[in-house]
Amino acid sequence: MGQSSFTWDMQLPSNSRTFMHQVARNFASRVEALGFEQVEWWNGREWSKQSRQYHIVHDPVYEKYHMKIRVRWLDRLPPEEDSSAPRRQVTPQPGFATPSAEQGVVEQVSNWLEMQRQMLEQQLRPDQVPPSADAHNTTATL
């Protein structure tokens, strides 16, 4: 697709600050584990490049909370990267348990990150045939 960066803004559930920070911490650690070239968090005024230093922005007018992140990656795999090596699975931290409704948000974020990783790997393979128009339309709605 020719892209090497992506900006994503996610509204967080505001019913529990504790849960909101659990989601943010877990999300930040999973993003870090993906190994992007650069990760930046929007703090409401500027982009911060501090590793794992997530920011939750509060909109007092609408009483909403959200996180905004920008990631950058290499436009091709580094030479030492072995595409045949198995990928490390990201698993929840020990003791991280949430009620099922809250766990759905964490699973949604995790699934989204995994899908993005797969799409990036597919695009970085030089021998890969471009996806069909149907497959492109399916992913464009994400």
N, C-alpha and C. Protein backbone atom coordinates (compact mmCIF):
# COMPACT_ATOMS: atom_id res chain seq x y z
N MET A 1 0.82 -1.19 0.00
CA MET A 1 0.00 0.00 0.00
C MET A 1 0.87 1.26 0.00
N GLY A 2 2.17 1.12 0.25
CA GLY A 2 3.08 2.25 0.18
C GLY A 2 3.10 3.15 1.40
N GLN A 3 2.41 2.79 2.45
CA GLN A 3 2.38 3.61 3.66
C GLN A 3 3.48 3.18 4.63
N SER A 4 4.01 4.12 5.40
CA SER A 4 4.99 3.78 6.43
C SER A 4 4.64 4.44 7.76
N SER A 5 3.41 4.97 7.88
CA SER A 5 2.95 5.52 9.15
C SER A 5 1.43 5.44 9.22
N PHE A 6 0.94 5.52 10.45
CA PHE A 6 -0.51 5.48 10.67
C PHE A 6 -0.82 6.22 11.97
N THR A 7 -1.89 7.02 11.95
CA THR A 7 -2.35 7.72 13.15
C THR A 7 -3.72 7.15 13.50
N TRP A 8 -3.90 6.83 14.78
CA TRP A 8 -5.12 6.20 15.22
C TRP A 8 -5.62 6.89 16.48
N ASP A 9 -6.90 7.21 16.54
CA ASP A 9 -7.53 7.85 17.68
C ASP A 9 -8.62 6.92 18.19
N MET A 10 -8.57 6.60 19.48
CA MET A 10 -9.54 5.65 20.05
C MET A 10 -10.22 6.27 21.25
N GLN A 11 -11.54 6.27 21.24
CA GLN A 11 -12.30 6.74 22.40
C GLN A 11 -12.30 5.63 23.44
N LEU A 12 -12.08 6.00 24.68
CA LEU A 12 -12.05 5.03 25.78
C LEU A 12 -13.36 5.10 26.57
N PRO A 13 -13.76 3.96 27.14
CA PRO A 13 -14.95 4.00 27.99
C PRO A 13 -14.63 4.83 29.24
N SER A 14 -15.51 5.73 29.59
CA SER A 14 -15.22 6.64 30.70
C SER A 14 -15.93 6.25 32.00
N ASN A 15 -16.46 5.05 32.06
CA ASN A 15 -17.20 4.65 33.26
C ASN A 15 -16.28 4.29 34.43
N SER A 16 -15.00 4.00 34.16
CA SER A 16 -14.07 3.64 35.23
C SER A 16 -12.67 4.09 34.86
N ARG A 17 -12.11 5.02 35.63
CA ARG A 17 -10.75 5.50 35.35
C ARG A 17 -9.73 4.38 35.53
N THR A 18 -9.96 3.51 36.51
CA THR A 18 -9.04 2.39 36.73
C THR A 18 -8.98 1.51 35.49
N PHE A 19 -10.15 1.16 34.96
CA PHE A 19 -10.19 0.32 33.77
C PHE A 19 -9.58 1.04 32.57
N MET A 20 -9.88 2.33 32.45
CA MET A 20 -9.35 3.13 31.34
C MET A 20 -7.81 3.08 31.35
N HIS A 21 -7.21 3.21 32.52
CA HIS A 21 -5.75 3.18 32.61
C HIS A 21 -5.21 1.75 32.40
N GLN A 22 -5.97 0.73 32.80
CA GLN A 22 -5.56 -0.65 32.52
C GLN A 22 -5.49 -0.88 31.02
N VAL A 23 -6.53 -0.43 30.31
CA VAL A 23 -6.56 -0.59 28.85
C VAL A 23 -5.40 0.17 28.22
N ALA A 24 -5.17 1.40 28.65
CA ALA A 24 -4.11 2.22 28.09
C ALA A 24 -2.74 1.59 28.33
N ARG A 25 -2.48 1.12 29.54
CA ARG A 25 -1.19 0.47 29.85
C ARG A 25 -0.99 -0.78 29.01
N ASN A 26 -2.03 -1.60 28.94
CA ASN A 26 -1.95 -2.84 28.17
C ASN A 26 -1.74 -2.54 26.69
N PHE A 27 -2.48 -1.58 26.17
CA PHE A 27 -2.35 -1.19 24.77
C PHE A 27 -0.94 -0.68 24.49
N ALA A 28 -0.40 0.18 25.36
CA ALA A 28 0.94 0.73 25.17
C ALA A 28 1.99 -0.36 25.17
N SER A 29 1.88 -1.34 26.05
CA SER A 29 2.86 -2.43 26.08
C SER A 29 2.76 -3.30 24.83
N ARG A 30 1.56 -3.52 24.34
CA ARG A 30 1.40 -4.32 23.12
C ARG A 30 1.91 -3.59 21.89
N VAL A 31 1.68 -2.29 21.82
CA VAL A 31 2.23 -1.50 20.71
C VAL A 31 3.75 -1.56 20.75
N GLU A 32 4.31 -1.41 21.93
CA GLU A 32 5.77 -1.46 22.10
C GLU A 32 6.32 -2.82 21.64
N ALA A 33 5.61 -3.90 21.95
CA ALA A 33 6.06 -5.25 21.59
C ALA A 33 6.05 -5.47 20.08
N LEU A 34 5.28 -4.69 19.33
CA LEU A 34 5.23 -4.85 17.88
C LEU A 34 6.50 -4.36 17.19
N GLY A 35 7.29 -3.53 17.87
CA GLY A 35 8.58 -3.12 17.33
C GLY A 35 8.53 -2.09 16.23
N PHE A 36 7.61 -1.14 16.31
CA PHE A 36 7.56 -0.07 15.32
C PHE A 36 8.84 0.75 15.38
N GLU A 37 9.19 1.37 14.28
CA GLU A 37 10.36 2.23 14.20
C GLU A 37 10.21 3.43 15.14
N GLN A 38 8.99 3.99 15.20
CA GLN A 38 8.74 5.14 16.07
C GLN A 38 7.28 5.08 16.54
N VAL A 39 7.08 5.39 17.82
CA VAL A 39 5.74 5.45 18.40
C VAL A 39 5.61 6.81 19.09
N GLU A 40 4.54 7.53 18.74
CA GLU A 40 4.31 8.84 19.34
C GLU A 40 2.89 8.90 19.90
N TRP A 41 2.74 9.52 21.06
CA TRP A 41 1.45 9.66 21.71
C TRP A 41 1.06 11.14 21.72
N TRP A 42 -0.19 11.44 21.39
CA TRP A 42 -0.69 12.80 21.40
C TRP A 42 -1.09 13.15 22.84
N ASN A 43 -0.55 14.24 23.38
CA ASN A 43 -0.86 14.62 24.75
C ASN A 43 -1.87 15.76 24.83
N GLY A 44 -2.46 16.13 23.72
CA GLY A 44 -3.45 17.20 23.68
C GLY A 44 -2.90 18.48 23.09
N ARG A 45 -1.56 18.61 23.06
CA ARG A 45 -0.91 19.79 22.48
C ARG A 45 0.16 19.43 21.47
N GLU A 46 0.84 18.30 21.70
CA GLU A 46 1.95 17.91 20.82
C GLU A 46 2.17 16.40 20.89
N TRP A 47 2.96 15.90 19.96
CA TRP A 47 3.30 14.48 19.92
C TRP A 47 4.47 14.23 20.86
N SER A 48 4.34 13.20 21.69
CA SER A 48 5.37 12.81 22.64
C SER A 48 5.99 11.50 22.17
N LYS A 49 7.32 11.43 22.15
CA LYS A 49 8.01 10.23 21.67
C LYS A 49 8.52 9.35 22.81
N GLN A 50 8.06 9.58 24.02
CA GLN A 50 8.51 8.79 25.15
C GLN A 50 7.92 7.39 25.06
N SER A 51 8.78 6.40 25.15
CA SER A 51 8.37 5.01 25.04
C SER A 51 7.41 4.63 26.17
N ARG A 52 6.33 3.98 25.82
CA ARG A 52 5.31 3.50 26.75
C ARG A 52 4.67 4.59 27.59
N GLN A 53 4.92 5.83 27.30
CA GLN A 53 4.33 6.94 28.04
C GLN A 53 3.04 7.36 27.35
N TYR A 54 1.98 6.59 27.56
CA TYR A 54 0.71 6.89 26.92
C TYR A 54 0.09 8.14 27.54
N HIS A 55 -0.81 8.76 26.80
CA HIS A 55 -1.54 9.92 27.28
C HIS A 55 -3.03 9.68 27.03
N ILE A 56 -3.84 9.98 28.02
CA ILE A 56 -5.29 9.94 27.86
C ILE A 56 -5.76 11.39 27.85
N VAL A 57 -6.37 11.79 26.75
CA VAL A 57 -6.82 13.17 26.59
C VAL A 57 -8.29 13.25 26.99
N HIS A 58 -8.62 14.23 27.82
CA HIS A 58 -9.99 14.42 28.30
C HIS A 58 -10.63 15.60 27.58
N ASP A 59 -11.81 15.38 27.02
CA ASP A 59 -12.58 16.45 26.40
C ASP A 59 -13.67 16.83 27.40
N PRO A 60 -13.49 17.94 28.13
CA PRO A 60 -14.46 18.29 29.18
C PRO A 60 -15.83 18.72 28.64
N VAL A 61 -15.89 19.19 27.41
CA VAL A 61 -17.17 19.61 26.84
C VAL A 61 -18.11 18.42 26.68
N TYR A 62 -17.58 17.33 26.10
CA TYR A 62 -18.40 16.14 25.87
C TYR A 62 -18.17 15.05 26.91
N GLU A 63 -17.28 15.33 27.88
CA GLU A 63 -16.93 14.36 28.92
C GLU A 63 -16.52 13.02 28.31
N LYS A 64 -15.60 13.11 27.34
CA LYS A 64 -15.07 11.94 26.64
C LYS A 64 -13.56 11.85 26.89
N TYR A 65 -13.05 10.63 26.82
CA TYR A 65 -11.63 10.36 26.96
C TYR A 65 -11.16 9.61 25.73
N HIS A 66 -9.97 9.92 25.26
CA HIS A 66 -9.46 9.18 24.12
C HIS A 66 -7.93 9.17 24.13
N MET A 67 -7.38 8.25 23.36
CA MET A 67 -5.94 8.14 23.15
C MET A 67 -5.70 8.29 21.66
N LYS A 68 -4.63 8.97 21.32
CA LYS A 68 -4.27 9.14 19.92
C LYS A 68 -2.80 8.74 19.80
N ILE A 69 -2.53 7.88 18.84
CA ILE A 69 -1.18 7.35 18.68
C ILE A 69 -0.79 7.43 17.20
N ARG A 70 0.49 7.67 16.96
CA ARG A 70 1.03 7.67 15.60
C ARG A 70 2.22 6.73 15.60
N VAL A 71 2.21 5.79 14.67
CA VAL A 71 3.32 4.83 14.55
C VAL A 71 3.96 4.94 13.18
N ARG A 72 5.25 4.67 13.14
CA ARG A 72 5.99 4.65 11.88
C ARG A 72 6.76 3.34 11.82
N TRP A 73 6.88 2.80 10.60
CA TRP A 73 7.63 1.56 10.41
C TRP A 73 8.50 1.70 9.18
N LEU A 74 9.45 0.78 9.05
CA LEU A 74 10.32 0.77 7.89
C LEU A 74 9.51 0.43 6.64
N ASP A 75 9.94 0.94 5.50
CA ASP A 75 9.21 0.63 4.27
C ASP A 75 9.55 -0.75 3.73
N ARG A 76 10.56 -1.40 4.30
CA ARG A 76 10.86 -2.80 3.97
C ARG A 76 11.52 -3.46 5.16
N LEU A 77 11.47 -4.78 5.19
CA LEU A 77 12.06 -5.52 6.31
C LEU A 77 13.57 -5.32 6.35
N PRO A 78 14.16 -5.22 7.56
CA PRO A 78 15.61 -5.15 7.65
C PRO A 78 16.23 -6.45 7.15
N PRO A 79 17.46 -6.43 6.62
CA PRO A 79 18.08 -7.63 6.07
C PRO A 79 18.18 -8.78 7.05
N GLU A 80 18.37 -8.47 8.32
CA GLU A 80 18.53 -9.55 9.31
C GLU A 80 17.21 -10.17 9.73
N GLU A 81 16.09 -9.60 9.29
CA GLU A 81 14.78 -10.13 9.67
C GLU A 81 14.51 -11.42 8.89
N ASP A 82 14.27 -12.49 9.62
CA ASP A 82 13.99 -13.78 9.00
C ASP A 82 12.48 -13.97 8.97
N SER A 83 11.89 -13.95 7.79
CA SER A 83 10.44 -14.05 7.68
C SER A 83 9.93 -15.46 8.01
N SER A 84 10.82 -16.45 8.03
CA SER A 84 10.38 -17.81 8.35
C SER A 84 10.37 -18.07 9.85
N ALA A 85 10.93 -17.14 10.66
CA ALA A 85 10.95 -17.34 12.10
C ALA A 85 9.54 -17.18 12.67
N PRO A 86 9.18 -18.01 13.65
CA PRO A 86 7.83 -17.88 14.22
C PRO A 86 7.70 -16.57 14.99
N ARG A 87 6.52 -15.97 14.93
CA ARG A 87 6.24 -14.72 15.63
C ARG A 87 5.92 -15.02 17.10
N ARG A 88 6.37 -14.13 17.97
CA ARG A 88 6.07 -14.26 19.39
C ARG A 88 4.64 -13.80 19.62
N GLN A 89 3.86 -14.61 20.31
CA GLN A 89 2.49 -14.25 20.63
C GLN A 89 2.47 -13.32 21.83
N VAL A 90 1.68 -12.26 21.76
CA VAL A 90 1.51 -11.36 22.89
C VAL A 90 0.38 -11.91 23.74
N THR A 91 0.67 -12.16 25.01
CA THR A 91 -0.33 -12.71 25.91
C THR A 91 -0.61 -11.71 27.02
N PRO A 92 -1.79 -11.76 27.59
CA PRO A 92 -2.10 -10.85 28.68
C PRO A 92 -1.14 -11.04 29.84
N GLN A 93 -0.88 -9.96 30.56
CA GLN A 93 0.02 -10.02 31.71
C GLN A 93 -0.62 -10.87 32.80
N PRO A 94 0.21 -11.60 33.58
CA PRO A 94 -0.34 -12.41 34.67
C PRO A 94 -1.15 -11.54 35.63
N GLY A 95 -2.28 -12.05 36.04
CA GLY A 95 -3.12 -11.33 36.98
C GLY A 95 -4.01 -10.29 36.33
N PHE A 96 -3.94 -10.12 35.01
CA PHE A 96 -4.77 -9.13 34.33
C PHE A 96 -6.11 -9.78 34.02
N ALA A 97 -7.11 -9.47 34.83
CA ALA A 97 -8.43 -10.03 34.64
C ALA A 97 -9.44 -8.90 34.66
N THR A 98 -10.36 -8.93 33.74
CA THR A 98 -11.39 -7.90 33.68
C THR A 98 -12.73 -8.56 33.45
N PRO A 99 -13.80 -7.90 33.80
CA PRO A 99 -15.12 -8.43 33.47
C PRO A 99 -15.28 -8.54 31.95
N SER A 100 -16.19 -9.39 31.51
CA SER A 100 -16.30 -9.71 30.08
C SER A 100 -16.54 -8.49 29.18
N ALA A 101 -17.36 -7.53 29.59
CA ALA A 101 -17.61 -6.35 28.74
C ALA A 101 -16.34 -5.54 28.55
N GLU A 102 -15.56 -5.39 29.62
CA GLU A 102 -14.31 -4.64 29.53
C GLU A 102 -13.25 -5.44 28.76
N GLN A 103 -13.27 -6.73 28.92
CA GLN A 103 -12.30 -7.57 28.21
C GLN A 103 -12.53 -7.46 26.71
N GLY A 104 -13.75 -7.22 26.29
CA GLY A 104 -14.05 -7.07 24.87
C GLY A 104 -13.27 -5.93 24.23
N VAL A 105 -13.09 -4.83 24.96
CA VAL A 105 -12.34 -3.70 24.43
C VAL A 105 -10.87 -4.09 24.25
N VAL A 106 -10.31 -4.77 25.25
CA VAL A 106 -8.92 -5.20 25.16
C VAL A 106 -8.74 -6.17 24.00
N GLU A 107 -9.67 -7.11 23.86
CA GLU A 107 -9.59 -8.07 22.75
C GLU A 107 -9.72 -7.37 21.40
N GLN A 108 -10.59 -6.37 21.32
CA GLN A 108 -10.77 -5.63 20.07
C GLN A 108 -9.47 -4.92 19.68
N VAL A 109 -8.84 -4.27 20.65
CA VAL A 109 -7.57 -3.58 20.39
C VAL A 109 -6.51 -4.59 19.99
N SER A 110 -6.44 -5.72 20.70
CA SER A 110 -5.46 -6.76 20.39
C SER A 110 -5.68 -7.32 18.98
N ASN A 111 -6.92 -7.60 18.64
CA ASN A 111 -7.23 -8.12 17.30
C ASN A 111 -6.87 -7.12 16.22
N TRP A 112 -7.15 -5.84 16.48
CA TRP A 112 -6.83 -4.80 15.51
C TRP A 112 -5.33 -4.73 15.29
N LEU A 113 -4.54 -4.78 16.36
CA LEU A 113 -3.08 -4.73 16.24
C LEU A 113 -2.55 -5.95 15.48
N GLU A 114 -3.09 -7.12 15.77
CA GLU A 114 -2.65 -8.33 15.08
C GLU A 114 -2.97 -8.24 13.58
N MET A 115 -4.15 -7.74 13.25
CA MET A 115 -4.52 -7.59 11.85
C MET A 115 -3.59 -6.60 11.14
N GLN A 116 -3.25 -5.50 11.80
CA GLN A 116 -2.34 -4.52 11.22
C GLN A 116 -0.96 -5.14 11.00
N ARG A 117 -0.49 -5.94 11.95
CA ARG A 117 0.80 -6.60 11.81
C ARG A 117 0.79 -7.53 10.59
N GLN A 118 -0.28 -8.30 10.43
CA GLN A 118 -0.38 -9.21 9.30
C GLN A 118 -0.41 -8.45 7.97
N MET A 119 -1.14 -7.34 7.93
CA MET A 119 -1.20 -6.55 6.71
C MET A 119 0.16 -5.96 6.37
N LEU A 120 0.88 -5.48 7.39
CA LEU A 120 2.22 -4.92 7.17
C LEU A 120 3.18 -5.98 6.64
N GLU A 121 3.16 -7.16 7.24
CA GLU A 121 4.03 -8.23 6.78
C GLU A 121 3.71 -8.62 5.35
N GLN A 122 2.44 -8.66 5.02
CA GLN A 122 2.04 -9.02 3.66
C GLN A 122 2.54 -7.99 2.66
N GLN A 123 2.43 -6.71 3.00
CA GLN A 123 2.86 -5.65 2.10
C GLN A 123 4.38 -5.59 1.95
N LEU A 124 5.11 -6.02 2.96
CA LEU A 124 6.56 -5.95 2.92
C LEU A 124 7.21 -7.12 2.18
N ARG A 125 6.45 -8.14 1.86
CA ARG A 125 6.99 -9.27 1.11
C ARG A 125 7.06 -8.90 -0.37
N PRO A 126 8.27 -8.83 -0.95
CA PRO A 126 8.39 -8.43 -2.35
C PRO A 126 7.79 -9.42 -3.34
N ASP A 127 7.74 -10.69 -2.96
CA ASP A 127 7.23 -11.71 -3.87
C ASP A 127 5.72 -11.90 -3.75
N GLN A 128 5.07 -11.14 -2.88
CA GLN A 128 3.64 -11.28 -2.64
C GLN A 128 2.83 -10.66 -3.78
N VAL A 129 1.81 -11.37 -4.21
CA VAL A 129 0.91 -10.86 -5.24
C VAL A 129 0.00 -9.83 -4.59
N PRO A 130 -0.24 -8.66 -5.23
CA PRO A 130 -1.12 -7.64 -4.64
C PRO A 130 -2.49 -8.21 -4.35
N PRO A 131 -3.13 -7.77 -3.25
CA PRO A 131 -4.46 -8.28 -2.92
C PRO A 131 -5.48 -7.89 -3.98
N SER A 132 -6.52 -8.73 -4.09
CA SER A 132 -7.57 -8.46 -5.08
C SER A 132 -8.39 -7.25 -4.64
N ALA A 133 -9.18 -6.73 -5.54
CA ALA A 133 -10.01 -5.56 -5.23
C ALA A 133 -11.00 -5.88 -4.11
N ASP A 134 -11.52 -7.13 -4.07
CA ASP A 134 -12.46 -7.51 -3.01
C ASP A 134 -11.78 -7.48 -1.66
N ALA A 135 -10.57 -8.01 -1.57
CA ALA A 135 -9.85 -8.03 -0.29
C ALA A 135 -9.53 -6.61 0.14
N HIS A 136 -9.18 -5.74 -0.82
CA HIS A 136 -8.85 -4.35 -0.49
C HIS A 136 -10.08 -3.63 0.08
N ASN A 137 -11.25 -3.86 -0.53
CA ASN A 137 -12.47 -3.21 -0.05
C ASN A 137 -12.82 -3.67 1.35
N THR A 138 -12.55 -4.93 1.67
CA THR A 138 -12.83 -5.44 3.00
C THR A 138 -11.98 -4.76 4.05
N THR A 139 -10.67 -4.59 3.79
CA THR A 139 -9.79 -3.99 4.78
C THR A 139 -9.95 -2.49 4.84
N ALA A 140 -10.44 -1.86 3.79
CA ALA A 140 -10.57 -0.40 3.77
C ALA A 140 -11.63 0.09 4.76
N THR A 141 -12.55 -0.77 5.16
CA THR A 141 -13.60 -0.34 6.07
C THR A 141 -13.16 -0.34 7.51
N LEU A 142 -11.93 -0.78 7.80
CA LEU A 142 -11.48 -0.87 9.19
C LEU A 142 -11.27 0.44 9.79
